[in-house]
Amino acid sequence: MSGRGAVSRRRGALVLAVAFAATACGDLDANSLDAARRAVRDGDSARAIGLYQRYLEEQPDDFDALKEYTLTLGERWAYDGGDRAPIIESLDTLYEMRPSDQEIQGLLSLMLIREGQVAVEAGRFEEAETVLRRAIAVNPESGAAQYQLGVLYDQKGEPDQAFGQYRAAAAKRPQIPDLYLQLGRAYLERDDADRAITTLGLVLELSGVSTYLLPEANCSLAQAYTAKGMAQEAQEALELATEACDPGR
């Protein structure tokens, strides 16, 4: 009996040890997460990121913690720049976990748009198109990715493709003055002065967002008014346009 009792006691001790270890590990995870959140509140993003990573190694399916970690990465990138890949990787994981989360849709789409812009600037058009089309798929309600796709096609010398993307983007009414300037000019090139006037007017309406495009928009408006024989309106727009503006094109 004494031998069986000793074995039983050892088994009991082992169970307690395992339970204690699991509890200690859980406490460590919780402490790491709490410490990460305190570091965020203290403005110590580098420490917060390390603590979030430690916690997520043990709890990779914690959506809220992964989201906090990703936002912290994004804030540091916004201030310091650097590699966007870890942010996109985390956002991809979050999107796979909850594809209907609108905040994640928006953030992932924005990061993909930035990746697409960089690829366009570097002349990597095929890569840029793939990335931008994914941004559209992730967040179909945003017109920003389609605008950038239009820019890509303009860079490639495909004006009809660009025009189609600009129109699709404008239908979603994003606050992007550059979009309406490009689309208004495209209407002018297609001898559609009425749509050009309406579209270029949106650039003026968004003057609170951006003012540097106003002279160019007014020049294009002067050209559209001239095409319609609206001399007074053309003159008024011309007075607000760039010095080199030719209303007769």
C-alpha atoms as a PDB file:
ATOM      1  CA  MET A   1       0.000   0.000   0.000  1.00  0.00           C
ATOM      2  CA  SER A   2       2.805   2.327   0.839  1.00  0.00           C
ATOM      3  CA  GLY A   3       4.335   1.931  -2.674  1.00  0.00           C
ATOM      4  CA  ARG A   4       1.025   2.662  -4.376  1.00  0.00           C
ATOM      5  CA  GLY A   5       0.538   5.632  -2.058  1.00  0.00           C
ATOM      6  CA  ALA A   6       3.929   7.037  -3.009  1.00  0.00           C
ATOM      7  CA  VAL A   7       3.143   6.700  -6.724  1.00  0.00           C
ATOM      8  CA  SER A   8      -0.205   8.377  -6.171  1.00  0.00           C
ATOM      9  CA  ARG A   9       1.449  11.243  -4.316  1.00  0.00           C
ATOM     10  CA  ARG A  10       4.007  11.700  -7.106  1.00  0.00           C
ATOM     11  CA  ARG A  11       1.234  11.770  -9.713  1.00  0.00           C
ATOM     12  CA  GLY A  12      -0.613  14.344  -7.660  1.00  0.00           C
ATOM     13  CA  ALA A  13       2.503  16.451  -7.375  1.00  0.00           C
ATOM     14  CA  LEU A  14       3.057  16.248 -11.135  1.00  0.00           C
ATOM     15  CA  VAL A  15      -0.508  17.367 -11.842  1.00  0.00           C
ATOM     16  CA  LEU A  16      -0.076  20.297  -9.470  1.00  0.00           C
ATOM     17  CA  ALA A  17       3.239  21.214 -11.081  1.00  0.00           C
ATOM     18  CA  VAL A  18       1.713  21.184 -14.565  1.00  0.00           C
ATOM     19  CA  ALA A  19      -1.261  23.237 -13.371  1.00  0.00           C
ATOM     20  CA  PHE A  20       1.057  25.715 -11.661  1.00  0.00           C
ATOM     21  CA  ALA A  21       3.201  26.013 -14.791  1.00  0.00           C
ATOM     22  CA  ALA A  22       0.116  26.632 -16.948  1.00  0.00           C
ATOM     23  CA  THR A  23      -1.133  29.254 -14.506  1.00  0.00           C
ATOM     24  CA  ALA A  24       2.274  30.903 -14.385  1.00  0.00           C
ATOM     25  CA  CYS A  25       2.446  30.951 -18.177  1.00  0.00           C
ATOM     26  CA  GLY A  26      -1.032  32.487 -18.330  1.00  0.00           C
ATOM     27  CA  ASP A  27       0.011  35.090 -15.777  1.00  0.00           C
ATOM     28  CA  LEU A  28       3.127  35.844 -17.839  1.00  0.00           C
ATOM     29  CA  ASP A  29       1.009  36.267 -20.990  1.00  0.00           C
ATOM     30  CA  ALA A  30      -1.421  38.547 -19.182  1.00  0.00           C
ATOM     31  CA  ASN A  31       1.433  40.516 -17.629  1.00  0.00           C
ATOM     32  CA  SER A  32       3.076  40.956 -21.049  1.00  0.00           C
ATOM     33  CA  LEU A  33      -0.168  42.258 -22.519  1.00  0.00           C
ATOM     34  CA  ASP A  34      -0.799  44.621 -19.610  1.00  0.00           C
ATOM     35  CA  ALA A  35       2.786  45.842 -19.785  1.00  0.00           C
ATOM     36  CA  ALA A  36       2.471  46.387 -23.557  1.00  0.00           C
ATOM     37  CA  ARG A  37      -0.635  48.487 -23.039  1.00  0.00           C
ATOM     38  CA  ARG A  38       1.090  50.530 -20.342  1.00  0.00           C
ATOM     39  CA  ALA A  39       4.035  51.111 -22.656  1.00  0.00           C
ATOM     40  CA  VAL A  40       1.657  52.373 -25.348  1.00  0.00           C
ATOM     41  CA  ARG A  41       0.092  54.791 -22.857  1.00  0.00           C
ATOM     42  CA  ASP A  42       3.588  55.941 -21.855  1.00  0.00           C
ATOM     43  CA  GLY A  43       4.518  56.563 -25.503  1.00  0.00           C
ATOM     44  CA  ASP A  44       7.213  53.862 -25.520  1.00  0.00           C
ATOM     45  CA  SER A  45       6.278  52.159 -28.790  1.00  0.00           C
ATOM     46  CA  ALA A  46       9.526  50.165 -29.117  1.00  0.00           C
ATOM     47  CA  ARG A  47       9.009  48.485 -25.736  1.00  0.00           C
ATOM     48  CA  ALA A  48       5.298  48.000 -26.431  1.00  0.00           C
ATOM     49  CA  ILE A  49       6.026  46.240 -29.715  1.00  0.00           C
ATOM     50  CA  GLY A  50       8.453  43.818 -28.046  1.00  0.00           C
ATOM     51  CA  LEU A  51       5.949  43.013 -25.295  1.00  0.00           C
ATOM     52  CA  TYR A  52       3.109  42.495 -27.768  1.00  0.00           C
ATOM     53  CA  GLN A  53       5.329  40.149 -29.777  1.00  0.00           C
ATOM     54  CA  ARG A  54       6.115  38.126 -26.646  1.00  0.00           C
ATOM     55  CA  TYR A  55       2.432  37.847 -25.806  1.00  0.00           C
ATOM     56  CA  LEU A  56       1.386  36.966 -29.359  1.00  0.00           C
ATOM     57  CA  GLU A  57       3.951  34.157 -29.565  1.00  0.00           C
ATOM     58  CA  GLU A  58       1.827  32.359 -26.972  1.00  0.00           C
ATOM     59  CA  GLN A  59      -1.587  33.775 -27.938  1.00  0.00           C
ATOM     60  CA  PRO A  60      -1.528  34.233 -31.740  1.00  0.00           C
ATOM     61  CA  ASP A  61      -5.332  34.072 -32.054  1.00  0.00           C
ATOM     62  CA  ASP A  62      -6.033  37.035 -29.780  1.00  0.00           C
ATOM     63  CA  PHE A  63      -7.618  39.378 -32.329  1.00  0.00           C
ATOM     64  CA  ASP A  64      -7.767  42.423 -30.064  1.00  0.00           C
ATOM     65  CA  ALA A  65      -4.131  42.123 -28.973  1.00  0.00           C
ATOM     66  CA  LEU A  66      -2.964  41.604 -32.565  1.00  0.00           C
ATOM     67  CA  LYS A  67      -4.960  44.651 -33.621  1.00  0.00           C
ATOM     68  CA  GLU A  68      -3.409  46.771 -30.851  1.00  0.00           C
ATOM     69  CA  TYR A  69       0.043  45.542 -31.867  1.00  0.00           C
ATOM     70  CA  THR A  70      -0.609  46.351 -35.526  1.00  0.00           C
ATOM     71  CA  LEU A  71      -1.872  49.846 -34.727  1.00  0.00           C
ATOM     72  CA  THR A  72       1.242  50.444 -32.640  1.00  0.00           C
ATOM     73  CA  LEU A  73       3.405  49.335 -35.572  1.00  0.00           C
ATOM     74  CA  GLY A  74       1.442  51.685 -37.821  1.00  0.00           C
ATOM     75  CA  GLU A  75       1.866  54.660 -35.507  1.00  0.00           C
ATOM     76  CA  ARG A  76       5.614  54.107 -35.323  1.00  0.00           C
ATOM     77  CA  TRP A  77       5.798  53.790 -39.120  1.00  0.00           C
ATOM     78  CA  ALA A  78       3.799  57.013 -39.531  1.00  0.00           C
ATOM     79  CA  TYR A  79       6.364  58.907 -37.435  1.00  0.00           C
ATOM     80  CA  ASP A  80       9.597  57.121 -38.329  1.00  0.00           C
ATOM     81  CA  GLY A  81       8.947  55.465 -41.698  1.00  0.00           C
ATOM     82  CA  GLY A  82      10.664  52.170 -42.403  1.00  0.00           C
ATOM     83  CA  ASP A  83       9.468  48.763 -43.502  1.00  0.00           C
ATOM     84  CA  ARG A  84       5.731  48.429 -44.109  1.00  0.00           C
ATOM     85  CA  ALA A  85       5.861  44.649 -44.579  1.00  0.00           C
ATOM     86  CA  PRO A  86       5.259  43.691 -40.900  1.00  0.00           C
ATOM     87  CA  ILE A  87       2.227  45.980 -40.776  1.00  0.00           C
ATOM     88  CA  ILE A  88       0.744  44.507 -43.943  1.00  0.00           C
ATOM     89  CA  GLU A  89       1.460  40.970 -42.716  1.00  0.00           C
ATOM     90  CA  SER A  90      -0.381  41.651 -39.448  1.00  0.00           C
ATOM     91  CA  LEU A  91      -3.262  43.337 -41.247  1.00  0.00           C
ATOM     92  CA  ASP A  92      -3.512  40.347 -43.597  1.00  0.00           C
ATOM     93  CA  THR A  93      -3.811  38.050 -40.581  1.00  0.00           C
ATOM     94  CA  LEU A  94      -6.453  40.282 -38.980  1.00  0.00           C
ATOM     95  CA  TYR A  95      -8.372  40.418 -42.269  1.00  0.00           C
ATOM     96  CA  GLU A  96      -8.329  36.617 -42.512  1.00  0.00           C
ATOM     97  CA  MET A  97      -9.635  36.397 -38.944  1.00  0.00           C
ATOM     98  CA  ARG A  98     -12.427  38.964 -39.426  1.00  0.00           C
ATOM     99  CA  PRO A  99     -12.874  39.954 -43.085  1.00  0.00           C
ATOM    100  CA  SER A 100     -15.999  42.003 -42.254  1.00  0.00           C
ATOM    101  CA  ASP A 101     -14.181  44.330 -39.823  1.00  0.00           C
ATOM    102  CA  GLN A 102     -14.451  47.705 -41.558  1.00  0.00           C
ATOM    103  CA  GLU A 103     -11.543  49.296 -39.720  1.00  0.00           C
ATOM    104  CA  ILE A 104      -9.228  46.473 -40.778  1.00  0.00           C
ATOM    105  CA  GLN A 105     -10.553  46.676 -44.349  1.00  0.00           C
ATOM    106  CA  GLY A 106      -9.763  50.376 -44.460  1.00  0.00           C
ATOM    107  CA  LEU A 107      -6.303  50.086 -42.915  1.00  0.00           C
ATOM    108  CA  LEU A 108      -5.236  47.148 -45.093  1.00  0.00           C
ATOM    109  CA  SER A 109      -6.529  48.914 -48.189  1.00  0.00           C
ATOM    110  CA  LEU A 110      -4.605  52.088 -47.313  1.00  0.00           C
ATOM    111  CA  MET A 111      -1.352  50.190 -46.790  1.00  0.00           C
ATOM    112  CA  LEU A 112      -1.804  48.301 -50.052  1.00  0.00           C
ATOM    113  CA  ILE A 113      -2.483  51.585 -51.867  1.00  0.00           C
ATOM    114  CA  ARG A 114       0.785  52.963 -50.491  1.00  0.00           C
ATOM    115  CA  GLU A 115       2.588  49.826 -51.686  1.00  0.00           C
ATOM    116  CA  GLY A 116       1.008  50.295 -55.100  1.00  0.00           C
ATOM    117  CA  GLN A 117       2.079  53.951 -55.257  1.00  0.00           C
ATOM    118  CA  VAL A 118       5.668  53.016 -54.484  1.00  0.00           C
ATOM    119  CA  ALA A 119       5.602  50.344 -57.182  1.00  0.00           C
ATOM    120  CA  VAL A 120       4.174  52.805 -59.748  1.00  0.00           C
ATOM    121  CA  GLU A 121       6.849  55.385 -58.917  1.00  0.00           C
ATOM    122  CA  ALA A 122       9.488  52.704 -59.423  1.00  0.00           C
ATOM    123  CA  GLY A 123       7.978  51.667 -62.762  1.00  0.00           C
ATOM    124  CA  ARG A 124       6.944  48.218 -61.477  1.00  0.00           C
ATOM    125  CA  PHE A 125       3.561  48.432 -63.161  1.00  0.00           C
ATOM    126  CA  GLU A 126       2.586  44.763 -63.081  1.00  0.00           C
ATOM    127  CA  GLU A 127       3.294  44.522 -59.357  1.00  0.00           C
ATOM    128  CA  ALA A 128       1.463  47.812 -58.750  1.00  0.00           C
ATOM    129  CA  GLU A 129      -1.636  46.659 -60.603  1.00  0.00           C
ATOM    130  CA  THR A 130      -1.787  43.411 -58.614  1.00  0.00           C
ATOM    131  CA  VAL A 131      -1.460  45.262 -55.309  1.00  0.00           C
ATOM    132  CA  LEU A 132      -3.994  47.964 -56.196  1.00  0.00           C
ATOM    133  CA  ARG A 133      -6.557  45.453 -57.413  1.00  0.00           C
ATOM    134  CA  ARG A 134      -6.203  43.635 -54.114  1.00  0.00           C
ATOM    135  CA  ALA A 135      -6.786  46.937 -52.287  1.00  0.00           C
ATOM    136  CA  ILE A 136     -10.014  47.348 -54.279  1.00  0.00           C
ATOM    137  CA  ALA A 137     -11.096  43.801 -53.417  1.00  0.00           C
ATOM    138  CA  VAL A 138     -10.415  44.356 -49.709  1.00  0.00           C
ATOM    139  CA  ASN A 139     -12.306  47.672 -49.541  1.00  0.00           C
ATOM    140  CA  PRO A 140     -14.596  48.053 -52.583  1.00  0.00           C
ATOM    141  CA  GLU A 141     -16.302  51.163 -51.215  1.00  0.00           C
ATOM    142  CA  SER A 142     -13.145  53.273 -51.271  1.00  0.00           C
ATOM    143  CA  GLY A 143     -12.340  55.144 -54.475  1.00  0.00           C
ATOM    144  CA  ALA A 144      -8.693  55.800 -53.559  1.00  0.00           C
ATOM    145  CA  ALA A 145      -7.341  52.513 -54.936  1.00  0.00           C
ATOM    146  CA  GLN A 146      -9.198  52.920 -58.216  1.00  0.00           C
ATOM    147  CA  TYR A 147      -7.857  56.451 -58.548  1.00  0.00           C
ATOM    148  CA  GLN A 148      -4.316  55.133 -58.111  1.00  0.00           C
ATOM    149  CA  LEU A 149      -5.048  52.445 -60.683  1.00  0.00           C
ATOM    150  CA  GLY A 150      -6.040  55.237 -63.054  1.00  0.00           C
ATOM    151  CA  VAL A 151      -2.741  56.991 -62.329  1.00  0.00           C
ATOM    152  CA  LEU A 152      -0.947  53.743 -63.139  1.00  0.00           C
ATOM    153  CA  TYR A 153      -2.671  53.475 -66.527  1.00  0.00           C
ATOM    154  CA  ASP A 154      -1.860  57.120 -67.271  1.00  0.00           C
ATOM    155  CA  GLN A 155       1.795  56.372 -66.494  1.00  0.00           C
ATOM    156  CA  LYS A 156       1.629  53.398 -68.872  1.00  0.00           C
ATOM    157  CA  GLY A 157       0.153  55.543 -71.656  1.00  0.00           C
ATOM    158  CA  GLU A 158      -3.267  53.875 -71.585  1.00  0.00           C
ATOM    159  CA  PRO A 159      -5.668  56.852 -71.350  1.00  0.00           C
ATOM    160  CA  ASP A 160      -8.877  54.895 -71.972  1.00  0.00           C
ATOM    161  CA  GLN A 161      -8.085  52.479 -69.157  1.00  0.00           C
ATOM    162  CA  ALA A 162      -7.206  55.403 -66.915  1.00  0.00           C
ATOM    163  CA  PHE A 163     -10.454  57.182 -67.800  1.00  0.00           C
ATOM    164  CA  GLY A 164     -12.472  54.105 -66.829  1.00  0.00           C
ATOM    165  CA  GLN A 165     -10.787  53.867 -63.451  1.00  0.00           C
ATOM    166  CA  TYR A 166     -11.167  57.601 -62.781  1.00  0.00           C
ATOM    167  CA  ARG A 167     -14.886  57.386 -63.521  1.00  0.00           C
ATOM    168  CA  ALA A 168     -15.309  54.346 -61.272  1.00  0.00           C
ATOM    169  CA  ALA A 169     -13.398  56.095 -58.484  1.00  0.00           C
ATOM    170  CA  ALA A 170     -15.391  59.331 -58.821  1.00  0.00           C
ATOM    171  CA  ALA A 171     -18.659  57.417 -58.492  1.00  0.00           C
ATOM    172  CA  LYS A 172     -17.636  56.672 -54.893  1.00  0.00           C
ATOM    173  CA  ARG A 173     -17.071  60.393 -54.198  1.00  0.00           C
ATOM    174  CA  PRO A 174     -13.697  60.237 -52.414  1.00  0.00           C
ATOM    175  CA  GLN A 175     -12.266  63.563 -51.253  1.00  0.00           C
ATOM    176  CA  ILE A 176      -9.367  63.495 -53.722  1.00  0.00           C
ATOM    177  CA  PRO A 177      -9.140  66.777 -55.684  1.00  0.00           C
ATOM    178  CA  ASP A 178      -6.493  65.322 -58.015  1.00  0.00           C
ATOM    179  CA  LEU A 179      -8.994  62.693 -59.154  1.00  0.00           C
ATOM    180  CA  TYR A 180     -11.557  65.276 -60.268  1.00  0.00           C
ATOM    181  CA  LEU A 181      -8.891  67.362 -61.998  1.00  0.00           C
ATOM    182  CA  GLN A 182      -7.693  64.357 -64.003  1.00  0.00           C
ATOM    183  CA  LEU A 183     -11.231  63.225 -64.798  1.00  0.00           C
ATOM    184  CA  GLY A 184     -12.319  66.730 -65.770  1.00  0.00           C
ATOM    185  CA  ARG A 185      -9.389  67.003 -68.178  1.00  0.00           C
ATOM    186  CA  ALA A 186     -10.252  63.585 -69.600  1.00  0.00           C
ATOM    187  CA  TYR A 187     -13.795  64.795 -70.299  1.00  0.00           C
ATOM    188  CA  LEU A 188     -12.349  67.869 -72.012  1.00  0.00           C
ATOM    189  CA  GLU A 189     -10.193  65.675 -74.239  1.00  0.00           C
ATOM    190  CA  ARG A 190     -13.354  63.793 -75.188  1.00  0.00           C
ATOM    191  CA  ASP A 191     -15.162  67.062 -76.040  1.00  0.00           C
ATOM    192  CA  ASP A 192     -17.616  66.637 -73.175  1.00  0.00           C
ATOM    193  CA  ALA A 193     -17.531  70.175 -71.786  1.00  0.00           C
ATOM    194  CA  ASP A 194     -20.648  69.788 -69.632  1.00  0.00           C
ATOM    195  CA  ARG A 195     -19.232  66.869 -67.647  1.00  0.00           C
ATOM    196  CA  ALA A 196     -15.854  68.597 -67.528  1.00  0.00           C
ATOM    197  CA  ILE A 197     -17.409  71.672 -65.891  1.00  0.00           C
ATOM    198  CA  THR A 198     -19.326  69.594 -63.348  1.00  0.00           C
ATOM    199  CA  THR A 199     -16.302  67.473 -62.478  1.00  0.00           C
ATOM    200  CA  LEU A 200     -13.812  70.338 -62.290  1.00  0.00           C
ATOM    201  CA  GLY A 201     -16.245  72.143 -60.026  1.00  0.00           C
ATOM    202  CA  LEU A 202     -15.620  69.402 -57.468  1.00  0.00           C
ATOM    203  CA  VAL A 203     -11.976  70.473 -57.294  1.00  0.00           C
ATOM    204  CA  LEU A 204     -13.150  73.938 -56.269  1.00  0.00           C
ATOM    205  CA  GLU A 205     -15.581  72.472 -53.738  1.00  0.00           C
ATOM    206  CA  LEU A 206     -12.708  70.547 -52.160  1.00  0.00           C
ATOM    207  CA  SER A 207     -10.510  73.626 -51.820  1.00  0.00           C
ATOM    208  CA  GLY A 208     -10.524  73.029 -48.067  1.00  0.00           C
ATOM    209  CA  VAL A 209      -8.721  69.736 -48.707  1.00  0.00           C
ATOM    210  CA  SER A 210      -6.205  71.147 -51.165  1.00  0.00           C
ATOM    211  CA  THR A 211      -5.632  74.561 -52.725  1.00  0.00           C
ATOM    212  CA  TYR A 212      -2.564  73.955 -54.913  1.00  0.00           C
ATOM    213  CA  LEU A 213      -4.698  72.504 -57.734  1.00  0.00           C
ATOM    214  CA  LEU A 214      -7.062  75.467 -57.964  1.00  0.00           C
ATOM    215  CA  PRO A 215      -5.128  77.393 -60.670  1.00  0.00           C
ATOM    216  CA  GLU A 216      -4.971  74.274 -62.863  1.00  0.00           C
ATOM    217  CA  ALA A 217      -8.644  73.519 -62.264  1.00  0.00           C
ATOM    218  CA  ASN A 218      -9.625  77.068 -63.181  1.00  0.00           C
ATOM    219  CA  CYS A 219      -7.540  76.881 -66.348  1.00  0.00           C
ATOM    220  CA  SER A 220      -9.363  73.703 -67.398  1.00  0.00           C
ATOM    221  CA  LEU A 221     -12.683  75.318 -66.477  1.00  0.00           C
ATOM    222  CA  ALA A 222     -11.819  78.310 -68.662  1.00  0.00           C
ATOM    223  CA  GLN A 223     -11.176  75.902 -71.533  1.00  0.00           C
ATOM    224  CA  ALA A 224     -14.481  74.103 -70.936  1.00  0.00           C
ATOM    225  CA  TYR A 225     -16.445  77.368 -70.763  1.00  0.00           C
ATOM    226  CA  THR A 226     -14.745  78.575 -73.934  1.00  0.00           C
ATOM    227  CA  ALA A 227     -15.739  75.357 -75.700  1.00  0.00           C
ATOM    228  CA  LYS A 228     -19.364  76.057 -74.754  1.00  0.00           C
ATOM    229  CA  GLY A 229     -19.186  79.708 -75.819  1.00  0.00           C
ATOM    230  CA  MET A 230     -19.584  80.967 -72.241  1.00  0.00           C
ATOM    231  CA  ALA A 231     -17.205  83.922 -72.533  1.00  0.00           C
ATOM    232  CA  GLN A 232     -17.926  85.625 -69.206  1.00  0.00           C
ATOM    233  CA  GLU A 233     -17.546  82.429 -67.174  1.00  0.00           C
ATOM    234  CA  ALA A 234     -14.389  81.611 -69.118  1.00  0.00           C
ATOM    235  CA  GLN A 235     -12.885  85.011 -68.320  1.00  0.00           C
ATOM    236  CA  GLU A 236     -13.717  84.702 -64.620  1.00  0.00           C
ATOM    237  CA  ALA A 237     -12.068  81.280 -64.459  1.00  0.00           C
ATOM    238  CA  LEU A 238      -9.094  82.531 -66.461  1.00  0.00           C
ATOM    239  CA  GLU A 239      -8.439  85.290 -63.934  1.00  0.00           C
ATOM    240  CA  LEU A 240      -8.000  82.607 -61.269  1.00  0.00           C
ATOM    241  CA  ALA A 241      -5.932  80.296 -63.454  1.00  0.00           C
ATOM    242  CA  THR A 242      -2.213  79.892 -64.021  1.00  0.00           C
ATOM    243  CA  GLU A 243      -0.422  82.620 -65.964  1.00  0.00           C
ATOM    244  CA  ALA A 244       0.385  80.228 -68.828  1.00  0.00           C
ATOM    245  CA  CYS A 245      -3.235  79.134 -69.256  1.00  0.00           C
ATOM    246  CA  ASP A 246      -4.551  79.026 -72.816  1.00  0.00           C
ATOM    247  CA  PRO A 247      -8.355  78.938 -72.717  1.00  0.00           C
ATOM    248  CA  GLY A 248      -8.483  78.002 -76.379  1.00  0.00           C
ATOM    249  CA  ARG A 249      -6.108  75.042 -75.821  1.00  0.00           C
END
